C-alpha atoms as a PDB file:
ATOM      1  CA  MET A   1       8.457 -14.661  18.483  1.00  0.00           C
ATOM      2  CA  LEU A   2       8.266 -10.861  18.330  1.00  0.00           C
ATOM      3  CA  SER A   3      11.769 -10.604  19.741  1.00  0.00           C
ATOM      4  CA  ASP A   4      13.009 -12.268  16.544  1.00  0.00           C
ATOM      5  CA  ILE A   5      11.539  -9.486  14.383  1.00  0.00           C
ATOM      6  CA  ASN A   6      13.927  -6.597  13.739  1.00  0.00           C
ATOM      7  CA  ILE A   7      12.550  -3.679  11.734  1.00  0.00           C
ATOM      8  CA  SER A   8      15.112  -0.920  11.448  1.00  0.00           C
ATOM      9  CA  SER A   9      14.147   2.625  10.589  1.00  0.00           C
ATOM     10  CA  PRO A  10      15.553   3.599   7.186  1.00  0.00           C
ATOM     11  CA  ASP A  11      18.919   5.350   7.338  1.00  0.00           C
ATOM     12  CA  LEU A  12      18.207   9.059   6.807  1.00  0.00           C
ATOM     13  CA  SER A  13      21.738   9.892   5.670  1.00  0.00           C
ATOM     14  CA  ILE A  14      20.714   9.957   1.994  1.00  0.00           C
ATOM     15  CA  SER A  15      17.569  12.022   2.563  1.00  0.00           C
ATOM     16  CA  GLY A  16      19.374  15.230   1.593  1.00  0.00           C
ATOM     17  CA  GLN A  17      20.577  13.710  -1.682  1.00  0.00           C
ATOM     18  CA  LEU A  18      17.125  12.353  -2.437  1.00  0.00           C
ATOM     19  CA  GLN A  19      15.497  15.701  -1.778  1.00  0.00           C
ATOM     20  CA  GLU A  20      18.089  17.442  -3.924  1.00  0.00           C
ATOM     21  CA  LYS A  21      17.382  15.029  -6.787  1.00  0.00           C
ATOM     22  CA  ILE A  22      13.635  15.641  -6.421  1.00  0.00           C
ATOM     23  CA  ASP A  23      14.122  19.420  -6.298  1.00  0.00           C
ATOM     24  CA  GLN A  24      16.368  19.451  -9.378  1.00  0.00           C
ATOM     25  CA  LYS A  25      13.735  17.884 -11.640  1.00  0.00           C
ATOM     26  CA  THR A  26      12.308  20.196 -14.315  1.00  0.00           C
ATOM     27  CA  LYS A  27       9.427  21.539 -12.244  1.00  0.00           C
ATOM     28  CA  PRO A  28       8.796  24.175  -9.592  1.00  0.00           C
ATOM     29  CA  LEU A  29       9.723  23.126  -6.067  1.00  0.00           C
ATOM     30  CA  GLY A  30       7.028  20.910  -4.588  1.00  0.00           C
ATOM     31  CA  ALA A  31       4.953  20.945  -7.789  1.00  0.00           C
ATOM     32  CA  LEU A  32       4.351  17.193  -7.747  1.00  0.00           C
ATOM     33  CA  GLY A  33       2.883  17.334  -4.262  1.00  0.00           C
ATOM     34  CA  LYS A  34       2.326  13.977  -2.600  1.00  0.00           C
ATOM     35  CA  LEU A  35       4.289  12.208  -5.345  1.00  0.00           C
ATOM     36  CA  GLU A  36       7.423  13.891  -4.054  1.00  0.00           C
ATOM     37  CA  LYS A  37       6.798  12.643  -0.531  1.00  0.00           C
ATOM     38  CA  ILE A  38       6.240   9.100  -1.809  1.00  0.00           C
ATOM     39  CA  ALA A  39       9.392   9.188  -3.932  1.00  0.00           C
ATOM     40  CA  LEU A  40      11.411  10.337  -0.935  1.00  0.00           C
ATOM     41  CA  LYS A  41       9.905   7.647   1.283  1.00  0.00           C
ATOM     42  CA  ILE A  42      10.549   4.812  -1.164  1.00  0.00           C
ATOM     43  CA  GLY A  43      14.072   6.044  -1.810  1.00  0.00           C
ATOM     44  CA  LEU A  44      14.720   5.928   1.925  1.00  0.00           C
ATOM     45  CA  ILE A  45      13.146   2.485   2.281  1.00  0.00           C
ATOM     46  CA  GLN A  46      15.302   1.115  -0.531  1.00  0.00           C
ATOM     47  CA  GLN A  47      18.334   3.236   0.420  1.00  0.00           C
ATOM     48  CA  THR A  48      18.945   4.397  -3.132  1.00  0.00           C
ATOM     49  CA  LEU A  49      18.588   7.493  -5.286  1.00  0.00           C
ATOM     50  CA  SER A  50      17.112   5.282  -8.021  1.00  0.00           C
ATOM     51  CA  PRO A  51      14.381   3.141  -6.432  1.00  0.00           C
ATOM     52  CA  CYS A  52      12.282   0.662  -8.367  1.00  0.00           C
ATOM     53  CA  LEU A  53       9.165  -1.370  -7.667  1.00  0.00           C
ATOM     54  CA  LYS A  54       9.230  -5.046  -8.580  1.00  0.00           C
ATOM     55  CA  LYS A  55       6.583  -7.772  -8.765  1.00  0.00           C
ATOM     56  CA  PRO A  56       3.738  -6.065  -6.878  1.00  0.00           C
ATOM     57  CA  VAL A  57       1.486  -8.479  -5.029  1.00  0.00           C
ATOM     58  CA  ILE A  58      -1.636  -8.072  -2.937  1.00  0.00           C
ATOM     59  CA  LEU A  59      -2.341 -10.614  -0.214  1.00  0.00           C
ATOM     60  CA  ILE A  60      -6.039 -10.989   0.589  1.00  0.00           C
ATOM     61  CA  PHE A  61      -6.654 -12.607   3.968  1.00  0.00           C
ATOM     62  CA  ALA A  62     -10.082 -14.116   4.595  1.00  0.00           C
ATOM     63  CA  ALA A  63     -11.660 -15.309   7.839  1.00  0.00           C
ATOM     64  CA  ASP A  64     -14.975 -15.497   9.630  1.00  0.00           C
ATOM     65  CA  HIS A  65     -15.920 -13.812  12.886  1.00  0.00           C
ATOM     66  CA  GLY A  66     -17.960 -15.229  15.726  1.00  0.00           C
ATOM     67  CA  ILE A  67     -19.256 -11.758  16.551  1.00  0.00           C
ATOM     68  CA  THR A  68     -21.603 -11.999  13.553  1.00  0.00           C
ATOM     69  CA  ALA A  69     -23.854 -14.084  15.820  1.00  0.00           C
ATOM     70  CA  ALA A  70     -24.594 -10.822  17.665  1.00  0.00           C
ATOM     71  CA  GLY A  71     -26.196  -9.291  14.584  1.00  0.00           C
ATOM     72  CA  VAL A  72     -23.534  -6.708  13.767  1.00  0.00           C
ATOM     73  CA  SER A  73     -23.691  -7.175   9.983  1.00  0.00           C
ATOM     74  CA  PRO A  74     -26.576  -7.120   7.516  1.00  0.00           C
ATOM     75  CA  TYR A  75     -24.878  -9.930   5.544  1.00  0.00           C
ATOM     76  CA  PRO A  76     -24.783 -13.604   6.573  1.00  0.00           C
ATOM     77  CA  GLN A  77     -21.480 -15.203   7.509  1.00  0.00           C
ATOM     78  CA  ALA A  78     -21.632 -17.404   4.397  1.00  0.00           C
ATOM     79  CA  VAL A  79     -20.732 -14.388   2.260  1.00  0.00           C
ATOM     80  CA  THR A  80     -17.091 -14.697   3.358  1.00  0.00           C
ATOM     81  CA  TYR A  81     -16.852 -18.138   1.746  1.00  0.00           C
ATOM     82  CA  GLN A  82     -18.808 -17.016  -1.293  1.00  0.00           C
ATOM     83  CA  MET A  83     -16.604 -13.972  -1.841  1.00  0.00           C
ATOM     84  CA  VAL A  84     -13.444 -16.054  -1.619  1.00  0.00           C
ATOM     85  CA  LEU A  85     -14.848 -18.172  -4.448  1.00  0.00           C
ATOM     86  CA  ASN A  86     -15.575 -14.955  -6.321  1.00  0.00           C
ATOM     87  CA  PHE A  87     -11.956 -13.819  -5.868  1.00  0.00           C
ATOM     88  CA  LEU A  88     -10.719 -17.139  -7.182  1.00  0.00           C
ATOM     89  CA  ALA A  89     -13.061 -16.942 -10.163  1.00  0.00           C
ATOM     90  CA  GLY A  90     -11.783 -13.454 -10.998  1.00  0.00           C
ATOM     91  CA  GLY A  91     -15.112 -11.727 -10.519  1.00  0.00           C
ATOM     92  CA  ALA A  92     -14.518  -9.268  -7.680  1.00  0.00           C
ATOM     93  CA  ALA A  93     -13.503  -5.612  -7.820  1.00  0.00           C
ATOM     94  CA  ILE A  94     -10.012  -6.440  -6.604  1.00  0.00           C
ATOM     95  CA  ASN A  95      -9.569  -8.857  -9.510  1.00  0.00           C
ATOM     96  CA  VAL A  96     -10.499  -6.155 -12.003  1.00  0.00           C
ATOM     97  CA  PHE A  97      -8.189  -3.528 -10.528  1.00  0.00           C
ATOM     98  CA  ALA A  98      -5.280  -5.916  -9.960  1.00  0.00           C
ATOM     99  CA  LYS A  99      -5.507  -7.202 -13.533  1.00  0.00           C
ATOM    100  CA  GLN A 100      -5.638  -3.653 -14.869  1.00  0.00           C
ATOM    101  CA  ASN A 101      -2.463  -2.721 -12.986  1.00  0.00           C
ATOM    102  CA  GLN A 102      -0.631  -6.041 -13.394  1.00  0.00           C
ATOM    103  CA  ILE A 103      -0.608  -6.883  -9.712  1.00  0.00           C
ATOM    104  CA  GLU A 104      -0.486 -10.494  -8.606  1.00  0.00           C
ATOM    105  CA  LEU A 105      -3.230 -11.605  -6.216  1.00  0.00           C
ATOM    106  CA  LEU A 106      -2.961 -14.289  -3.578  1.00  0.00           C
ATOM    107  CA  VAL A 107      -5.984 -15.300  -1.500  1.00  0.00           C
ATOM    108  CA  ILE A 108      -5.266 -16.731   1.941  1.00  0.00           C
ATOM    109  CA  ASP A 109      -7.766 -18.748   3.948  1.00  0.00           C
ATOM    110  CA  ALA A 110      -6.825 -17.556   7.411  1.00  0.00           C
ATOM    111  CA  GLY A 111      -9.951 -18.861   9.119  1.00  0.00           C
ATOM    112  CA  VAL A 112     -13.006 -19.172   6.879  1.00  0.00           C
ATOM    113  CA  ASN A 113     -15.827 -21.269   8.304  1.00  0.00           C
ATOM    114  CA  ALA A 114     -15.756 -23.650   5.334  1.00  0.00           C
ATOM    115  CA  ASP A 115     -13.387 -25.861   3.392  1.00  0.00           C
ATOM    116  CA  PHE A 116     -12.070 -25.064  -0.073  1.00  0.00           C
ATOM    117  CA  ALA A 117     -10.859 -27.380  -2.769  1.00  0.00           C
ATOM    118  CA  LYS A 118      -7.167 -27.009  -3.528  1.00  0.00           C
ATOM    119  CA  GLN A 119      -6.746 -24.539  -6.392  1.00  0.00           C
ATOM    120  CA  THR A 120      -4.339 -22.062  -7.911  1.00  0.00           C
ATOM    121  CA  GLY A 121      -4.232 -18.703  -6.173  1.00  0.00           C
ATOM    122  CA  LEU A 122      -5.535 -19.993  -2.828  1.00  0.00           C
ATOM    123  CA  ILE A 123      -3.279 -20.588   0.149  1.00  0.00           C
ATOM    124  CA  ASN A 124      -4.621 -22.688   3.000  1.00  0.00           C
ATOM    125  CA  ALA A 125      -3.303 -21.129   6.199  1.00  0.00           C
ATOM    126  CA  LYS A 126      -6.465 -21.773   8.216  1.00  0.00           C
ATOM    127  CA  ILE A 127      -6.087 -21.388  11.963  1.00  0.00           C
ATOM    128  CA  ALA A 128      -9.668 -22.434  12.797  1.00  0.00           C
ATOM    129  CA  TYR A 129     -13.156 -22.274  11.333  1.00  0.00           C
ATOM    130  CA  GLY A 130     -13.721 -18.676  12.333  1.00  0.00           C
ATOM    131  CA  SER A 131     -12.965 -16.790  15.527  1.00  0.00           C
ATOM    132  CA  ALA A 132     -15.022 -17.037  18.693  1.00  0.00           C
ATOM    133  CA  ASN A 133     -17.729 -14.506  19.549  1.00  0.00           C
ATOM    134  CA  PHE A 134     -15.710 -11.845  21.379  1.00  0.00           C
ATOM    135  CA  LEU A 135     -18.825 -10.716  23.214  1.00  0.00           C
ATOM    136  CA  GLN A 136     -18.551 -13.920  25.262  1.00  0.00           C
ATOM    137  CA  ALA A 137     -14.901 -15.007  25.047  1.00  0.00           C
ATOM    138  CA  ALA A 138     -11.578 -14.074  23.514  1.00  0.00           C
ATOM    139  CA  ALA A 139     -11.813 -14.136  19.722  1.00  0.00           C
ATOM    140  CA  MET A 140      -8.806 -16.450  19.640  1.00  0.00           C
ATOM    141  CA  THR A 141      -6.408 -18.041  22.062  1.00  0.00           C
ATOM    142  CA  ASP A 142      -2.987 -16.520  22.581  1.00  0.00           C
ATOM    143  CA  GLN A 143      -1.510 -19.495  20.748  1.00  0.00           C
ATOM    144  CA  GLN A 144      -3.851 -19.047  17.776  1.00  0.00           C
ATOM    145  CA  CYS A 145      -3.050 -15.353  17.618  1.00  0.00           C
ATOM    146  CA  GLN A 146       0.692 -15.971  17.611  1.00  0.00           C
ATOM    147  CA  LEU A 147       0.339 -18.709  14.999  1.00  0.00           C
ATOM    148  CA  ALA A 148      -1.658 -16.387  12.731  1.00  0.00           C
ATOM    149  CA  ILE A 149       1.012 -13.689  13.039  1.00  0.00           C
ATOM    150  CA  TRP A 150       3.765 -16.204  12.328  1.00  0.00           C
ATOM    151  CA  ARG A 151       1.996 -17.596   9.251  1.00  0.00           C
ATOM    152  CA  GLY A 152       1.349 -14.124   7.872  1.00  0.00           C
ATOM    153  CA  ARG A 153       4.964 -13.194   8.418  1.00  0.00           C
ATOM    154  CA  GLU A 154       6.178 -16.282   6.573  1.00  0.00           C
ATOM    155  CA  LEU A 155       3.792 -15.681   3.666  1.00  0.00           C
ATOM    156  CA  ALA A 156       5.052 -12.126   3.178  1.00  0.00           C
ATOM    157  CA  LYS A 157       8.680 -13.151   3.486  1.00  0.00           C
ATOM    158  CA  ALA A 158       8.107 -15.831   0.834  1.00  0.00           C
ATOM    159  CA  GLU A 159       6.808 -13.206  -1.599  1.00  0.00           C
ATOM    160  CA  VAL A 160       9.827 -10.989  -0.977  1.00  0.00           C
ATOM    161  CA  ALA A 161      12.103 -14.000  -1.471  1.00  0.00           C
ATOM    162  CA  GLN A 162      10.461 -14.508  -4.873  1.00  0.00           C
ATOM    163  CA  GLY A 163      11.320 -10.968  -5.957  1.00  0.00           C
ATOM    164  CA  SER A 164       8.523  -8.715  -4.752  1.00  0.00           C
ATOM    165  CA  ASN A 165       9.486  -5.486  -3.017  1.00  0.00           C
ATOM    166  CA  VAL A 166       6.013  -3.948  -2.785  1.00  0.00           C
ATOM    167  CA  LEU A 167       3.146  -5.721  -1.023  1.00  0.00           C
ATOM    168  CA  GLY A 168      -0.455  -4.656  -0.615  1.00  0.00           C
ATOM    169  CA  PHE A 169      -2.868  -6.035   1.953  1.00  0.00           C
ATOM    170  CA  GLY A 170      -6.559  -6.788   1.628  1.00  0.00           C
ATOM    171  CA  GLU A 171      -9.153  -8.716   3.589  1.00  0.00           C
ATOM    172  CA  MET A 172     -12.535 -10.400   3.486  1.00  0.00           C
ATOM    173  CA  GLY A 173     -14.538 -11.308   6.548  1.00  0.00           C
ATOM    174  CA  ILE A 174     -18.141 -10.606   7.418  1.00  0.00           C
ATOM    175  CA  GLY A 175     -18.100  -8.882  10.810  1.00  0.00           C
ATOM    176  CA  ASN A 176     -14.556  -7.586  10.544  1.00  0.00           C
ATOM    177  CA  THR A 177     -15.453  -3.903  10.791  1.00  0.00           C
ATOM    178  CA  SER A 178     -16.789  -4.706  14.261  1.00  0.00           C
ATOM    179  CA  SER A 179     -13.502  -6.338  15.141  1.00  0.00           C
ATOM    180  CA  ALA A 180     -11.519  -3.416  13.697  1.00  0.00           C
ATOM    181  CA  SER A 181     -13.669  -0.866  15.550  1.00  0.00           C
ATOM    182  CA  ALA A 182     -13.175  -2.699  18.826  1.00  0.00           C
ATOM    183  CA  LEU A 183      -9.418  -2.895  18.243  1.00  0.00           C
ATOM    184  CA  MET A 184      -9.235   0.802  17.398  1.00  0.00           C
ATOM    185  CA  SER A 185     -11.210   1.800  20.485  1.00  0.00           C
ATOM    186  CA  ALA A 186      -9.093  -0.367  22.775  1.00  0.00           C
ATOM    187  CA  LEU A 187      -5.677   0.516  21.334  1.00  0.00           C
ATOM    188  CA  CYS A 188      -6.307   4.234  20.837  1.00  0.00           C
ATOM    189  CA  ARG A 189      -8.403   4.577  23.994  1.00  0.00           C
ATOM    190  CA  LEU A 190     -11.134   6.280  22.013  1.00  0.00           C
ATOM    191  CA  PRO A 191     -14.888   6.201  22.644  1.00  0.00           C
ATOM    192  CA  VAL A 192     -16.737   3.522  20.699  1.00  0.00           C
ATOM    193  CA  ASN A 193     -18.790   6.247  18.990  1.00  0.00           C
ATOM    194  CA  ASP A 194     -15.601   7.492  17.295  1.00  0.00           C
ATOM    195  CA  CYS A 195     -14.694   4.048  16.001  1.00  0.00           C
ATOM    196  CA  VAL A 196     -17.864   2.592  14.479  1.00  0.00           C
ATOM    197  CA  GLY A 197     -19.323   3.062  10.999  1.00  0.00           C
ATOM    198  CA  ARG A 198     -21.847   1.421   8.709  1.00  0.00           C
ATOM    199  CA  GLY A 199     -19.598  -1.452   7.661  1.00  0.00           C
ATOM    200  CA  THR A 200     -21.344  -3.323   4.862  1.00  0.00           C
ATOM    201  CA  GLY A 201     -24.357  -1.037   5.000  1.00  0.00           C
ATOM    202  CA  LEU A 202     -26.018  -0.910   8.401  1.00  0.00           C
ATOM    203  CA  ASP A 203     -28.942   1.465   8.888  1.00  0.00           C
ATOM    204  CA  ASP A 204     -29.050   3.862  11.849  1.00  0.00           C
ATOM    205  CA  ALA A 205     -30.616   1.276  14.140  1.00  0.00           C
ATOM    206  CA  GLY A 206     -27.970  -1.243  13.089  1.00  0.00           C
ATOM    207  CA  ILE A 207     -25.183   1.168  13.937  1.00  0.00           C
ATOM    208  CA  LEU A 208     -26.621   1.781  17.407  1.00  0.00           C
ATOM    209  CA  HIS A 209     -26.807  -1.970  17.955  1.00  0.00           C
ATOM    210  CA  LYS A 210     -23.241  -2.448  16.708  1.00  0.00           C
ATOM    211  CA  LYS A 211     -21.973   0.259  19.074  1.00  0.00           C
ATOM    212  CA  SER A 212     -23.782  -1.373  21.974  1.00  0.00           C
ATOM    213  CA  ILE A 213     -22.301  -4.794  21.218  1.00  0.00           C
ATOM    214  CA  ILE A 214     -18.763  -3.429  20.930  1.00  0.00           C
ATOM    215  CA  SER A 215     -19.156  -1.429  24.156  1.00  0.00           C
ATOM    216  CA  GLN A 216     -20.290  -4.555  25.980  1.00  0.00           C
ATOM    217  CA  ALA A 217     -17.363  -6.522  24.562  1.00  0.00           C
ATOM    218  CA  LEU A 218     -14.831  -3.910  25.637  1.00  0.00           C
ATOM    219  CA  THR A 219     -16.249  -3.983  29.144  1.00  0.00           C
ATOM    220  CA  PHE A 220     -16.106  -7.774  29.146  1.00  0.00           C
ATOM    221  CA  HIS A 221     -12.415  -7.759  28.146  1.00  0.00           C
ATOM    222  CA  GLN A 222     -11.419  -4.682  30.131  1.00  0.00           C
ATOM    223  CA  ALA A 223      -8.818  -6.501  32.229  1.00  0.00           C
ATOM    224  CA  SER A 224      -6.969  -7.713  29.111  1.00  0.00           C
ATOM    225  CA  LEU A 225      -6.639  -4.512  27.100  1.00  0.00           C
ATOM    226  CA  ASP A 226      -3.219  -3.232  28.184  1.00  0.00           C
ATOM    227  CA  ASP A 227      -1.062  -5.340  25.858  1.00  0.00           C
ATOM    228  CA  PRO A 228      -1.429  -5.069  22.039  1.00  0.00           C
ATOM    229  CA  LEU A 229      -1.057  -8.805  21.503  1.00  0.00           C
ATOM    230  CA  LYS A 230      -3.703  -9.525  24.111  1.00  0.00           C
ATOM    231  CA  VAL A 231      -6.009  -6.917  22.582  1.00  0.00           C
ATOM    232  CA  LEU A 232      -5.582  -8.587  19.194  1.00  0.00           C
ATOM    233  CA  ALA A 233      -6.327 -12.012  20.636  1.00  0.00           C
ATOM    234  CA  CYS A 234      -9.402 -10.804  22.490  1.00  0.00           C
ATOM    235  CA  LEU A 235     -10.971  -8.647  19.784  1.00  0.00           C
ATOM    236  CA  GLY A 236      -9.318  -9.450  16.473  1.00  0.00           C
ATOM    237  CA  GLY A 237      -9.885 -11.934  13.708  1.00  0.00           C
ATOM    238  CA  PHE A 238      -7.629 -14.477  12.068  1.00  0.00           C
ATOM    239  CA  GLU A 239      -7.356 -12.423   8.871  1.00  0.00           C
ATOM    240  CA  ILE A 240      -6.427  -9.309  10.852  1.00  0.00           C
ATOM    241  CA  ALA A 241      -3.824 -11.162  12.918  1.00  0.00           C
ATOM    242  CA  MET A 242      -2.356 -12.772   9.813  1.00  0.00           C
ATOM    243  CA  MET A 243      -2.250  -9.385   8.103  1.00  0.00           C
ATOM    244  CA  VAL A 244      -0.359  -8.012  11.121  1.00  0.00           C
ATOM    245  CA  GLY A 245       2.230 -10.750  10.669  1.00  0.00           C
ATOM    246  CA  ALA A 246       2.469 -10.159   6.933  1.00  0.00           C
ATOM    247  CA  MET A 247       3.081  -6.456   7.436  1.00  0.00           C
ATOM    248  CA  LEU A 248       5.782  -7.216   9.989  1.00  0.00           C
ATOM    249  CA  GLY A 249       7.437  -9.761   7.697  1.00  0.00           C
ATOM    250  CA  ALA A 250       7.369  -7.479   4.667  1.00  0.00           C
ATOM    251  CA  ALA A 251       8.821  -4.500   6.547  1.00  0.00           C
ATOM    252  CA  GLU A 252      11.403  -6.739   8.162  1.00  0.00           C
ATOM    253  CA  LEU A 253      12.804  -7.396   4.668  1.00  0.00           C
ATOM    254  CA  GLY A 254      12.570  -3.781   3.527  1.00  0.00           C
ATOM    255  CA  ALA A 255       9.505  -3.993   1.288  1.00  0.00           C
ATOM    256  CA  VAL A 256       7.101  -1.128   0.637  1.00  0.00           C
ATOM    257  CA  LEU A 257       3.704  -1.686   2.304  1.00  0.00           C
ATOM    258  CA  LEU A 258       0.540  -0.555   0.498  1.00  0.00           C
ATOM    259  CA  ILE A 259      -2.089  -0.082   3.191  1.00  0.00           C
ATOM    260  CA  ASP A 260      -5.726  -0.289   2.069  1.00  0.00           C
ATOM    261  CA  GLY A 261      -8.687   1.005   4.072  1.00  0.00           C
ATOM    262  CA  PHE A 262     -10.113   0.741   7.574  1.00  0.00           C
ATOM    263  CA  ILE A 263      -9.496  -2.945   8.296  1.00  0.00           C
ATOM    264  CA  ALA A 264      -5.975  -2.971   6.862  1.00  0.00           C
ATOM    265  CA  THR A 265      -5.115   0.247   8.692  1.00  0.00           C
ATOM    266  CA  THR A 266      -6.337  -1.311  11.935  1.00  0.00           C
ATOM    267  CA  ALA A 267      -4.016  -4.255  11.322  1.00  0.00           C
ATOM    268  CA  LEU A 268      -1.269  -1.713  10.705  1.00  0.00           C
ATOM    269  CA  LEU A 269      -2.149  -0.038  14.005  1.00  0.00           C
ATOM    270  CA  VAL A 270      -1.617  -3.322  15.842  1.00  0.00           C
ATOM    271  CA  ALA A 271       1.633  -3.969  13.985  1.00  0.00           C
ATOM    272  CA  VAL A 272       2.925  -0.470  14.795  1.00  0.00           C
ATOM    273  CA  ARG A 273       2.082  -0.933  18.465  1.00  0.00           C
ATOM    274  CA  LEU A 274       4.203  -4.083  18.354  1.00  0.00           C
ATOM    275  CA  LYS A 275       7.023  -2.630  16.227  1.00  0.00           C
ATOM    276  CA  PRO A 276       6.761   1.181  15.951  1.00  0.00           C
ATOM    277  CA  THR A 277       9.377   1.496  13.185  1.00  0.00           C
ATOM    278  CA  LEU A 278       7.070  -0.384  10.803  1.00  0.00           C
ATOM    279  CA  ILE A 279       5.284   2.918  10.087  1.00  0.00           C
ATOM    280  CA  ASP A 280       8.324   4.025   8.054  1.00  0.00           C
ATOM    281  CA  TYR A 281       7.516   1.400   5.401  1.00  0.00           C
ATOM    282  CA  ALA A 282       3.801   2.155   4.974  1.00  0.00           C
ATOM    283  CA  ILE A 283       2.040   4.093   2.252  1.00  0.00           C
ATOM    284  CA  PHE A 284      -1.592   4.792   3.111  1.00  0.00           C
ATOM    285  CA  CYS A 285      -3.360   4.357  -0.181  1.00  0.00           C
ATOM    286  CA  HIS A 286      -6.791   5.865   0.361  1.00  0.00           C
ATOM    287  CA  LEU A 287      -9.179   7.392   2.843  1.00  0.00           C
ATOM    288  CA  SER A 288     -11.998   4.937   3.377  1.00  0.00           C
ATOM    289  CA  GLY A 289     -15.624   5.991   3.393  1.00  0.00           C
ATOM    290  CA  GLU A 290     -15.897   4.061   6.661  1.00  0.00           C
ATOM    291  CA  ALA A 291     -16.415   6.847   9.171  1.00  0.00           C
ATOM    292  CA  ALA A 292     -13.672   5.941  11.643  1.00  0.00           C
ATOM    293  CA  HIS A 293     -10.841   5.665   9.128  1.00  0.00           C
ATOM    294  CA  SER A 294     -10.102   9.397   9.091  1.00  0.00           C
ATOM    295  CA  ARG A 295      -9.731   9.433  12.867  1.00  0.00           C
ATOM    296  CA  LEU A 296      -7.551   6.325  12.732  1.00  0.00           C
ATOM    297  CA  LEU A 297      -5.214   7.952  10.214  1.00  0.00           C
ATOM    298  CA  THR A 298      -5.014  10.986  12.494  1.00  0.00           C
ATOM    299  CA  GLU A 299      -4.033   8.731  15.399  1.00  0.00           C
ATOM    300  CA  LEU A 300      -1.232   7.335  13.211  1.00  0.00           C
ATOM    301  CA  ASN A 301      -0.196  10.805  12.023  1.00  0.00           C
ATOM    302  CA  ALA A 302      -0.726   9.506   8.499  1.00  0.00           C
ATOM    303  CA  GLU A 303      -2.078  11.025   5.299  1.00  0.00           C
ATOM    304  CA  ALA A 304      -3.987   9.055   2.663  1.00  0.00           C
ATOM    305  CA  LEU A 305      -2.975   9.269  -0.972  1.00  0.00           C
ATOM    306  CA  LEU A 306      -6.511   9.133  -2.429  1.00  0.00           C
ATOM    307  CA  ASP A 307     -10.028   9.976  -1.314  1.00  0.00           C
ATOM    308  CA  LEU A 308     -12.519   8.232  -3.610  1.00  0.00           C
ATOM    309  CA  HIS A 309     -15.208   7.606  -0.964  1.00  0.00           C
ATOM    310  CA  MET A 310     -14.525   3.863  -1.274  1.00  0.00           C
ATOM    311  CA  ARG A 311     -15.210   1.427   1.573  1.00  0.00           C
ATOM    312  CA  LEU A 312     -14.998  -1.981  -0.051  1.00  0.00           C
ATOM    313  CA  GLY A 313     -11.851  -3.483   1.407  1.00  0.00           C
ATOM    314  CA  GLU A 314     -10.354  -6.447  -0.481  1.00  0.00           C
ATOM    315  CA  GLY A 315      -7.210  -4.386  -1.103  1.00  0.00           C
ATOM    316  CA  THR A 316      -9.022  -2.340  -3.755  1.00  0.00           C
ATOM    317  CA  GLY A 317      -7.608   0.974  -2.551  1.00  0.00           C
ATOM    318  CA  ALA A 318      -4.080  -0.433  -2.699  1.00  0.00           C
ATOM    319  CA  ALA A 319      -4.610  -1.716  -6.240  1.00  0.00           C
ATOM    320  CA  ILE A 320      -6.003   1.600  -7.475  1.00  0.00           C
ATOM    321  CA  ALA A 321      -3.251   3.624  -5.795  1.00  0.00           C
ATOM    322  CA  TYR A 322      -0.395   1.476  -7.096  1.00  0.00           C
ATOM    323  CA  PRO A 323      -0.001   3.278 -10.471  1.00  0.00           C
ATOM    324  CA  ILE A 324       0.323   6.557  -8.573  1.00  0.00           C
ATOM    325  CA  VAL A 325       3.007   5.066  -6.334  1.00  0.00           C
ATOM    326  CA  GLN A 326       4.724   3.790  -9.479  1.00  0.00           C
ATOM    327  CA  ALA A 327       4.480   7.282 -10.983  1.00  0.00           C
ATOM    328  CA  ALA A 328       6.293   8.675  -7.944  1.00  0.00           C
ATOM    329  CA  VAL A 329       9.171   6.283  -8.495  1.00  0.00           C
ATOM    330  CA  ASN A 330       9.204   6.890 -12.254  1.00  0.00           C
ATOM    331  CA  PHE A 331       9.459  10.666 -12.035  1.00  0.00           C
ATOM    332  CA  LEU A 332      12.385  10.316  -9.655  1.00  0.00           C
ATOM    333  CA  THR A 333      14.267   7.921 -11.923  1.00  0.00           C
ATOM    334  CA  GLU A 334      13.224   9.057 -15.421  1.00  0.00           C
ATOM    335  CA  MET A 335      12.395  12.767 -15.368  1.00  0.00           C
ATOM    336  CA  SER A 336      15.062  15.159 -16.601  1.00  0.00           C
ATOM    337  CA  SER A 337      16.856  17.518 -14.272  1.00  0.00           C
ATOM    338  CA  PHE A 338      17.329  21.201 -15.021  1.00  0.00           C
ATOM    339  CA  ALA A 339      20.964  20.477 -15.855  1.00  0.00           C
ATOM    340  CA  SER A 340      20.380  17.451 -18.116  1.00  0.00           C
ATOM    341  CA  ALA A 341      17.580  19.186 -20.030  1.00  0.00           C
ATOM    342  CA  SER A 342      19.433  22.529 -20.245  1.00  0.00           C
ATOM    343  CA  VAL A 343      16.465  24.283 -18.643  1.00  0.00           C
ATOM    344  CA  SER A 344      17.096  27.443 -16.656  1.00  0.00           C
ATOM    345  CA  GLN A 345      16.199  27.381 -12.970  1.00  0.00           C
ATOM    346  CA  ARG A 346      14.361  30.129 -11.144  1.00  0.00           C
ATOM    347  CA  GLN A 347      16.320  33.195 -10.176  1.00  0.00           C
ATOM    348  CA  ASP A 348      15.868  34.438  -6.606  1.00  0.00           C
END
């Protein structure tokens, strides 16, 4: 399946022209900071000096995790199901921010341990009723993992086919910070202590317990941690695996990827280990308040656009950052140049 996915690095031959266009805007060189870097990146992704963003959509993948049975979260597993209903009712933070910024939301049941009635805005892509407890077994079979990736890929490609060229990624799944921490530790070969945070609000004792559980799980799966796909199957979750596939599918078709916080960045880490050129399509929207996210961004040689001390997930960071990404495109395409505005340039 992965051999069918071809993600080419953007052609850099127009980078000089893009930079020249950015530099000739009526401003001092570099005065728009990170916006200039984003404009350059999107211009390269779209291979044009006049990029545009169309039909932004955020895909929220939801699934349950068997590892919650080990007491790694202060919230019960049922909250995953309840929060999906909240998304569909329009009552969550992501609904508010997406509505404000005119971003379409799609909620995907990747593996929630419950059944939902058919309704608008919900896609049933369920692989199973939650992953297995990865303290005792692989979180999913190899076949389930590959199916989740394939379904995510197809979902993203469908959105691009319908006109979207900018996709954000969010998630919901009680226990998924444990899964993400385990994935980060295994793939980056980092100590568990560097990869674990408070998640949904663990106290100090809860964090120590969470670290212990993840350490035990990594020891249990030690013989299977050399291959990224195997790592994902052993330690991941259905929403993370489906997000990996969606990121691959979106980049495959040249879309801009809006990467949210810790969980989404961990999915990105897996996707990059599978297809390294995918990193060229990613914009890292914010630095999560989850302790390990900063280290994870460092491992990816990435810089976050915002730092609002958020750690909610759901794609909220992507939704809040989108207007800034749009501003980067707008200044490139709409702002006057020194020549067009008859403004004198600096004299050196």
